[in-house]
Amino acid sequence: MFGPHLRNWWSTPVDYAAQVHYFTQREISTPIQLLIGLGTGFNGVLSLTVLLPTARTPAVARHFCEPAP
Protein backbone atom coordinates (compact mmCIF):
# COMPACT_ATOMS: atom_id res chain seq x y z
CA MET A 1 0.00 0.00 0.00
CA PHE A 2 2.68 2.52 1.04
CA GLY A 3 5.55 0.79 -0.78
CA PRO A 4 5.31 2.64 -4.12
CA HIS A 5 4.84 6.00 -2.40
CA LEU A 6 7.75 5.41 -0.04
CA ARG A 7 9.98 4.23 -2.89
CA ASN A 8 9.03 7.31 -4.94
CA TRP A 9 9.72 9.65 -2.02
CA TRP A 10 13.05 7.98 -1.23
CA SER A 11 14.28 8.09 -4.84
CA THR A 12 13.28 11.72 -5.48
CA PRO A 13 16.36 13.95 -5.70
CA VAL A 14 16.77 16.63 -3.04
CA ASP A 15 17.72 20.22 -3.76
CA TYR A 16 19.95 20.86 -0.75
CA ALA A 17 20.86 24.39 -1.85
CA ALA A 18 17.19 25.36 -1.94
CA GLN A 19 16.61 23.87 1.51
CA VAL A 20 19.59 25.69 3.01
CA HIS A 21 18.44 28.93 1.38
CA TYR A 22 14.91 28.41 2.73
CA PHE A 23 16.09 27.86 6.30
CA THR A 24 18.68 30.65 6.18
CA GLN A 25 16.15 33.13 4.82
CA ARG A 26 13.85 32.41 7.77
CA GLU A 27 16.70 32.50 10.32
CA ILE A 28 16.11 28.95 11.48
CA SER A 29 19.32 27.37 10.19
CA THR A 30 21.13 27.96 13.51
CA PRO A 31 18.43 26.23 15.61
CA ILE A 32 18.43 23.33 13.15
CA GLN A 33 22.22 23.01 13.44
CA LEU A 34 21.89 23.12 17.23
CA LEU A 35 19.24 20.38 17.21
CA ILE A 36 21.38 18.21 14.92
CA GLY A 37 24.37 18.72 17.23
CA LEU A 38 22.33 17.90 20.34
CA GLY A 39 20.92 14.79 18.68
CA THR A 40 24.40 13.64 17.68
CA GLY A 41 25.75 14.29 21.18
CA PHE A 42 22.82 12.44 22.74
CA ASN A 43 23.45 9.50 20.42
CA GLY A 44 27.07 9.37 21.59
CA VAL A 45 26.14 9.54 25.28
CA LEU A 46 23.47 6.90 24.84
CA SER A 47 25.91 4.61 23.03
CA LEU A 48 28.48 4.99 25.81
CA THR A 49 25.82 4.37 28.45
CA VAL A 50 24.71 1.16 26.78
CA LEU A 51 28.12 -0.18 25.72
CA LEU A 52 30.47 0.88 28.52
CA PRO A 53 29.14 -1.49 31.21
CA THR A 54 29.74 -4.50 28.95
CA ALA A 55 33.26 -3.38 28.06
CA ARG A 56 34.63 -4.35 31.47
CA THR A 57 33.74 -8.02 31.55
CA PRO A 58 36.46 -10.35 32.88
CA ALA A 59 37.04 -11.92 29.46
CA VAL A 60 37.65 -8.57 27.81
CA ALA A 61 39.87 -7.35 30.65
CA ARG A 62 41.86 -10.60 30.60
CA HIS A 63 42.30 -10.42 26.83
CA PHE A 64 43.49 -6.82 26.74
CA CYS A 65 45.22 -6.37 30.09
CA GLU A 66 47.44 -9.44 30.36
CA PRO A 67 50.83 -9.41 28.66
CA ALA A 68 51.17 -11.41 25.49
CA PRO A 69 53.06 -14.75 25.80
C-alpha atoms as a PDB file:
ATOM      1  CA  MET A   1       0.000   0.000   0.000  1.00  0.00           C
ATOM      2  CA  PHE A   2       2.679   2.523   1.036  1.00  0.00           C
ATOM      3  CA  GLY A   3       5.550   0.794  -0.776  1.00  0.00           C
ATOM      4  CA  PRO A   4       5.313   2.642  -4.123  1.00  0.00           C
ATOM      5  CA  HIS A   5       4.836   6.001  -2.399  1.00  0.00           C
ATOM      6  CA  LEU A   6       7.749   5.408  -0.041  1.00  0.00           C
ATOM      7  CA  ARG A   7       9.980   4.230  -2.892  1.00  0.00           C
ATOM      8  CA  ASN A   8       9.029   7.314  -4.942  1.00  0.00           C
ATOM      9  CA  TRP A   9       9.722   9.654  -2.020  1.00  0.00           C
ATOM     10  CA  TRP A  10      13.048   7.978  -1.234  1.00  0.00           C
ATOM     11  CA  SER A  11      14.281   8.093  -4.835  1.00  0.00           C
ATOM     12  CA  THR A  12      13.281  11.718  -5.485  1.00  0.00           C
ATOM     13  CA  PRO A  13      16.364  13.950  -5.704  1.00  0.00           C
ATOM     14  CA  VAL A  14      16.767  16.630  -3.038  1.00  0.00           C
ATOM     15  CA  ASP A  15      17.719  20.217  -3.765  1.00  0.00           C
ATOM     16  CA  TYR A  16      19.955  20.861  -0.748  1.00  0.00           C
ATOM     17  CA  ALA A  17      20.865  24.388  -1.849  1.00  0.00           C
ATOM     18  CA  ALA A  18      17.190  25.362  -1.943  1.00  0.00           C
ATOM     19  CA  GLN A  19      16.609  23.869   1.513  1.00  0.00           C
ATOM     20  CA  VAL A  20      19.589  25.695   3.006  1.00  0.00           C
ATOM     21  CA  HIS A  21      18.440  28.929   1.379  1.00  0.00           C
ATOM     22  CA  TYR A  22      14.906  28.410   2.733  1.00  0.00           C
ATOM     23  CA  PHE A  23      16.094  27.862   6.305  1.00  0.00           C
ATOM     24  CA  THR A  24      18.677  30.651   6.182  1.00  0.00           C
ATOM     25  CA  GLN A  25      16.147  33.127   4.817  1.00  0.00           C
ATOM     26  CA  ARG A  26      13.849  32.410   7.770  1.00  0.00           C
ATOM     27  CA  GLU A  27      16.698  32.503  10.316  1.00  0.00           C
ATOM     28  CA  ILE A  28      16.113  28.950  11.483  1.00  0.00           C
ATOM     29  CA  SER A  29      19.321  27.373  10.194  1.00  0.00           C
ATOM     30  CA  THR A  30      21.127  27.962  13.514  1.00  0.00           C
ATOM     31  CA  PRO A  31      18.431  26.234  15.607  1.00  0.00           C
ATOM     32  CA  ILE A  32      18.430  23.328  13.151  1.00  0.00           C
ATOM     33  CA  GLN A  33      22.217  23.011  13.438  1.00  0.00           C
ATOM     34  CA  LEU A  34      21.894  23.123  17.229  1.00  0.00           C
ATOM     35  CA  LEU A  35      19.245  20.382  17.207  1.00  0.00           C
ATOM     36  CA  ILE A  36      21.377  18.209  14.919  1.00  0.00           C
ATOM     37  CA  GLY A  37      24.369  18.721  17.235  1.00  0.00           C
ATOM     38  CA  LEU A  38      22.330  17.904  20.337  1.00  0.00           C
ATOM     39  CA  GLY A  39      20.922  14.789  18.678  1.00  0.00           C
ATOM     40  CA  THR A  40      24.397  13.643  17.675  1.00  0.00           C
ATOM     41  CA  GLY A  41      25.747  14.285  21.181  1.00  0.00           C
ATOM     42  CA  PHE A  42      22.816  12.436  22.739  1.00  0.00           C
ATOM     43  CA  ASN A  43      23.446   9.505  20.419  1.00  0.00           C
ATOM     44  CA  GLY A  44      27.070   9.366  21.593  1.00  0.00           C
ATOM     45  CA  VAL A  45      26.143   9.545  25.277  1.00  0.00           C
ATOM     46  CA  LEU A  46      23.468   6.903  24.841  1.00  0.00           C
ATOM     47  CA  SER A  47      25.908   4.610  23.026  1.00  0.00           C
ATOM     48  CA  LEU A  48      28.477   4.992  25.806  1.00  0.00           C
ATOM     49  CA  THR A  49      25.820   4.373  28.446  1.00  0.00           C
ATOM     50  CA  VAL A  50      24.714   1.161  26.775  1.00  0.00           C
ATOM     51  CA  LEU A  51      28.120  -0.184  25.722  1.00  0.00           C
ATOM     52  CA  LEU A  52      30.467   0.878  28.516  1.00  0.00           C
ATOM     53  CA  PRO A  53      29.142  -1.495  31.213  1.00  0.00           C
ATOM     54  CA  THR A  54      29.740  -4.497  28.955  1.00  0.00           C
ATOM     55  CA  ALA A  55      33.263  -3.382  28.058  1.00  0.00           C
ATOM     56  CA  ARG A  56      34.635  -4.354  31.474  1.00  0.00           C
ATOM     57  CA  THR A  57      33.743  -8.021  31.553  1.00  0.00           C
ATOM     58  CA  PRO A  58      36.465 -10.352  32.882  1.00  0.00           C
ATOM     59  CA  ALA A  59      37.036 -11.924  29.456  1.00  0.00           C
ATOM     60  CA  VAL A  60      37.654  -8.568  27.812  1.00  0.00           C
ATOM     61  CA  ALA A  61      39.867  -7.355  30.646  1.00  0.00           C
ATOM     62  CA  ARG A  62      41.864 -10.602  30.604  1.00  0.00           C
ATOM     63  CA  HIS A  63      42.301 -10.417  26.832  1.00  0.00           C
ATOM     64  CA  PHE A  64      43.493  -6.816  26.736  1.00  0.00           C
ATOM     65  CA  CYS A  65      45.223  -6.371  30.091  1.00  0.00           C
ATOM     66  CA  GLU A  66      47.440  -9.436  30.360  1.00  0.00           C
ATOM     67  CA  PRO A  67      50.826  -9.410  28.662  1.00  0.00           C
ATOM     68  CA  ALA A  68      51.172 -11.410  25.490  1.00  0.00           C
ATOM     69  CA  PRO A  69      53.061 -14.747  25.803  1.00  0.00           C
END
